Amino acid sequence: MNPKSEHLVDLIFKKLTIYNKKIFLEKENLNKFILSLFKEN
């Protein structure tokens, strides 16, 4: 993953954890999900 993509995943992860503390989210799972979205296009 390139640095821009990694930075984007970090930003999304931070925003999601700030806005909704009830969601149990692992960064690796978020990363896999975002990569799967990019691969489909």
PDB file of N, CA and C in Angstrom:
ATOM      1  N   MET A   1       0.847  -1.176   0.000  1.00  0.00           N
ATOM      2  CA  MET A   1       0.000   0.000   0.000  1.00  0.00           C
ATOM      3  C   MET A   1       0.886   1.229   0.000  1.00  0.00           C
ATOM      4  N   ASN A   2       0.527   2.176  -0.811  1.00  0.00           N
ATOM      5  CA  ASN A   2       1.350   3.372  -0.892  1.00  0.00           C
ATOM      6  C   ASN A   2       1.057   4.311   0.295  1.00  0.00           C
ATOM      7  N   PRO A   3       1.924   5.262   0.535  1.00  0.00           N
ATOM      8  CA  PRO A   3       1.769   6.150   1.702  1.00  0.00           C
ATOM      9  C   PRO A   3       0.472   6.955   1.708  1.00  0.00           C
ATOM     10  N   LYS A   4       0.011   7.365   0.524  1.00  0.00           N
ATOM     11  CA  LYS A   4      -1.246   8.121   0.463  1.00  0.00           C
ATOM     12  C   LYS A   4      -2.418   7.265   0.929  1.00  0.00           C
ATOM     13  N   SER A   5      -2.452   6.032   0.486  1.00  0.00           N
ATOM     14  CA  SER A   5      -3.530   5.127   0.883  1.00  0.00           C
ATOM     15  C   SER A   5      -3.472   4.842   2.376  1.00  0.00           C
ATOM     16  N   GLU A   6      -2.290   4.631   2.877  1.00  0.00           N
ATOM     17  CA  GLU A   6      -2.113   4.373   4.312  1.00  0.00           C
ATOM     18  C   GLU A   6      -2.587   5.574   5.134  1.00  0.00           C
ATOM     19  N   HIS A   7      -2.267   6.749   4.675  1.00  0.00           N
ATOM     20  CA  HIS A   7      -2.700   7.963   5.366  1.00  0.00           C
ATOM     21  C   HIS A   7      -4.222   8.082   5.339  1.00  0.00           C
ATOM     22  N   LEU A   8      -4.818   7.764   4.213  1.00  0.00           N
ATOM     23  CA  LEU A   8      -6.268   7.805   4.086  1.00  0.00           C
ATOM     24  C   LEU A   8      -6.930   6.821   5.047  1.00  0.00           C
ATOM     25  N   VAL A   9      -6.401   5.625   5.139  1.00  0.00           N
ATOM     26  CA  VAL A   9      -6.937   4.626   6.068  1.00  0.00           C
ATOM     27  C   VAL A   9      -6.814   5.129   7.503  1.00  0.00           C
ATOM     28  N   ASP A  10      -5.697   5.733   7.837  1.00  0.00           N
ATOM     29  CA  ASP A  10      -5.512   6.289   9.184  1.00  0.00           C
ATOM     30  C   ASP A  10      -6.544   7.362   9.494  1.00  0.00           C
ATOM     31  N   LEU A  11      -6.785   8.252   8.557  1.00  0.00           N
ATOM     32  CA  LEU A  11      -7.761   9.317   8.767  1.00  0.00           C
ATOM     33  C   LEU A  11      -9.171   8.758   8.954  1.00  0.00           C
ATOM     34  N   ILE A  12      -9.540   7.811   8.122  1.00  0.00           N
ATOM     35  CA  ILE A  12     -10.872   7.208   8.234  1.00  0.00           C
ATOM     36  C   ILE A  12     -11.015   6.500   9.573  1.00  0.00           C
ATOM     37  N   PHE A  13      -9.995   5.774   9.956  1.00  0.00           N
ATOM     38  CA  PHE A  13     -10.023   5.047  11.228  1.00  0.00           C
ATOM     39  C   PHE A  13     -10.192   6.014  12.399  1.00  0.00           C
ATOM     40  N   LYS A  14      -9.454   7.095  12.397  1.00  0.00           N
ATOM     41  CA  LYS A  14      -9.545   8.079  13.480  1.00  0.00           C
ATOM     42  C   LYS A  14     -10.919   8.712  13.542  1.00  0.00           C
ATOM     43  N   LYS A  15     -11.474   9.075  12.389  1.00  0.00           N
ATOM     44  CA  LYS A  15     -12.794   9.694  12.361  1.00  0.00           C
ATOM     45  C   LYS A  15     -13.872   8.734  12.849  1.00  0.00           C
ATOM     46  N   LEU A  16     -13.784   7.502  12.424  1.00  0.00           N
ATOM     47  CA  LEU A  16     -14.787   6.526  12.846  1.00  0.00           C
ATOM     48  C   LEU A  16     -14.731   6.268  14.348  1.00  0.00           C
ATOM     49  N   THR A  17     -13.560   6.192  14.896  1.00  0.00           N
ATOM     50  CA  THR A  17     -13.448   5.932  16.326  1.00  0.00           C
ATOM     51  C   THR A  17     -13.819   7.145  17.161  1.00  0.00           C
ATOM     52  N   ILE A  18     -13.647   8.339  16.631  1.00  0.00           N
ATOM     53  CA  ILE A  18     -14.030   9.546  17.362  1.00  0.00           C
ATOM     54  C   ILE A  18     -15.555   9.700  17.380  1.00  0.00           C
ATOM     55  N   TYR A  19     -16.198   9.521  16.237  1.00  0.00           N
ATOM     56  CA  TYR A  19     -17.623   9.783  16.138  1.00  0.00           C
ATOM     57  C   TYR A  19     -18.498   8.695  16.737  1.00  0.00           C
ATOM     58  N   ASN A  20     -18.034   7.483  16.753  1.00  0.00           N
ATOM     59  CA  ASN A  20     -18.859   6.420  17.287  1.00  0.00           C
ATOM     60  C   ASN A  20     -18.001   5.468  18.101  1.00  0.00           C
ATOM     61  N   LYS A  21     -18.001   5.660  19.388  1.00  0.00           N
ATOM     62  CA  LYS A  21     -17.160   4.850  20.270  1.00  0.00           C
ATOM     63  C   LYS A  21     -17.740   3.459  20.487  1.00  0.00           C
ATOM     64  N   LYS A  22     -18.975   3.223  20.073  1.00  0.00           N
ATOM     65  CA  LYS A  22     -19.605   1.920  20.270  1.00  0.00           C
ATOM     66  C   LYS A  22     -19.153   0.893  19.240  1.00  0.00           C
ATOM     67  N   ILE A  23     -18.576   1.360  18.168  1.00  0.00           N
ATOM     68  CA  ILE A  23     -18.124   0.448  17.114  1.00  0.00           C
ATOM     69  C   ILE A  23     -16.774  -0.132  17.509  1.00  0.00           C
ATOM     70  N   PHE A  24     -16.696  -1.456  17.500  1.00  0.00           N
ATOM     71  CA  PHE A  24     -15.417  -2.108  17.728  1.00  0.00           C
ATOM     72  C   PHE A  24     -14.792  -2.322  16.359  1.00  0.00           C
ATOM     73  N   LEU A  25     -13.737  -1.594  16.099  1.00  0.00           N
ATOM     74  CA  LEU A  25     -13.140  -1.599  14.773  1.00  0.00           C
ATOM     75  C   LEU A  25     -11.645  -1.851  14.885  1.00  0.00           C
ATOM     76  N   GLU A  26     -11.193  -2.812  14.127  1.00  0.00           N
ATOM     77  CA  GLU A  26      -9.766  -3.072  14.070  1.00  0.00           C
ATOM     78  C   GLU A  26      -9.226  -2.458  12.790  1.00  0.00           C
ATOM     79  N   LYS A  27      -8.084  -1.843  12.931  1.00  0.00           N
ATOM     80  CA  LYS A  27      -7.504  -1.132  11.796  1.00  0.00           C
ATOM     81  C   LYS A  27      -7.185  -2.078  10.639  1.00  0.00           C
ATOM     82  N   GLU A  28      -6.751  -3.288  10.929  1.00  0.00           N
ATOM     83  CA  GLU A  28      -6.426  -4.242   9.859  1.00  0.00           C
ATOM     84  C   GLU A  28      -7.669  -4.590   9.048  1.00  0.00           C
ATOM     85  N   ASN A  29      -8.801  -4.749   9.733  1.00  0.00           N
ATOM     86  CA  ASN A  29     -10.033  -5.077   9.026  1.00  0.00           C
ATOM     87  C   ASN A  29     -10.485  -3.912   8.150  1.00  0.00           C
ATOM     88  N   LEU A  30     -10.358  -2.718   8.657  1.00  0.00           N
ATOM     89  CA  LEU A  30     -10.696  -1.541   7.860  1.00  0.00           C
ATOM     90  C   LEU A  30      -9.792  -1.452   6.637  1.00  0.00           C
ATOM     91  N   ASN A  31      -8.537  -1.714   6.837  1.00  0.00           N
ATOM     92  CA  ASN A  31      -7.567  -1.670   5.742  1.00  0.00           C
ATOM     93  C   ASN A  31      -7.930  -2.701   4.668  1.00  0.00           C
ATOM     94  N   LYS A  32      -8.273  -3.907   5.064  1.00  0.00           N
ATOM     95  CA  LYS A  32      -8.657  -4.950   4.106  1.00  0.00           C
ATOM     96  C   LYS A  32      -9.917  -4.559   3.354  1.00  0.00           C
ATOM     97  N   PHE A  33     -10.869  -3.979   4.070  1.00  0.00           N
ATOM     98  CA  PHE A  33     -12.115  -3.565   3.437  1.00  0.00           C
ATOM     99  C   PHE A  33     -11.864  -2.492   2.383  1.00  0.00           C
ATOM    100  N   ILE A  34     -11.087  -1.496   2.717  1.00  0.00           N
ATOM    101  CA  ILE A  34     -10.811  -0.412   1.773  1.00  0.00           C
ATOM    102  C   ILE A  34     -10.039  -0.938   0.562  1.00  0.00           C
ATOM    103  N   LEU A  35      -9.093  -1.809   0.797  1.00  0.00           N
ATOM    104  CA  LEU A  35      -8.369  -2.394  -0.329  1.00  0.00           C
ATOM    105  C   LEU A  35      -9.284  -3.212  -1.237  1.00  0.00           C
ATOM    106  N   SER A  36     -10.237  -3.910  -0.644  1.00  0.00           N
ATOM    107  CA  SER A  36     -11.171  -4.679  -1.457  1.00  0.00           C
ATOM    108  C   SER A  36     -12.041  -3.756  -2.311  1.00  0.00           C
ATOM    109  N   LEU A  37     -12.372  -2.588  -1.799  1.00  0.00           N
ATOM    110  CA  LEU A  37     -13.144  -1.622  -2.597  1.00  0.00           C
ATOM    111  C   LEU A  37     -12.328  -1.116  -3.784  1.00  0.00           C
ATOM    112  N   PHE A  38     -11.054  -0.868  -3.568  1.00  0.00           N
ATOM    113  CA  PHE A  38     -10.201  -0.405  -4.658  1.00  0.00           C
ATOM    114  C   PHE A  38     -10.001  -1.488  -5.708  1.00  0.00           C
ATOM    115  N   LYS A  39      -9.919  -2.726  -5.299  1.00  0.00           N
ATOM    116  CA  LYS A  39      -9.675  -3.806  -6.247  1.00  0.00           C
ATOM    117  C   LYS A  39     -10.872  -4.074  -7.142  1.00  0.00           C
ATOM    118  N   GLU A  40     -12.075  -3.816  -6.648  1.00  0.00           N
ATOM    119  CA  GLU A  40     -13.273  -4.073  -7.446  1.00  0.00           C
ATOM    120  C   GLU A  40     -13.421  -3.091  -8.585  1.00  0.00           C
ATOM    121  N   ASN A  41     -12.865  -1.894  -8.453  1.00  0.00           N
ATOM    122  CA  ASN A  41     -13.033  -0.879  -9.499  1.00  0.00           C
ATOM    123  C   ASN A  41     -12.050  -1.047 -10.572  1.00  0.00           C
TER     124      ASN A  41
END
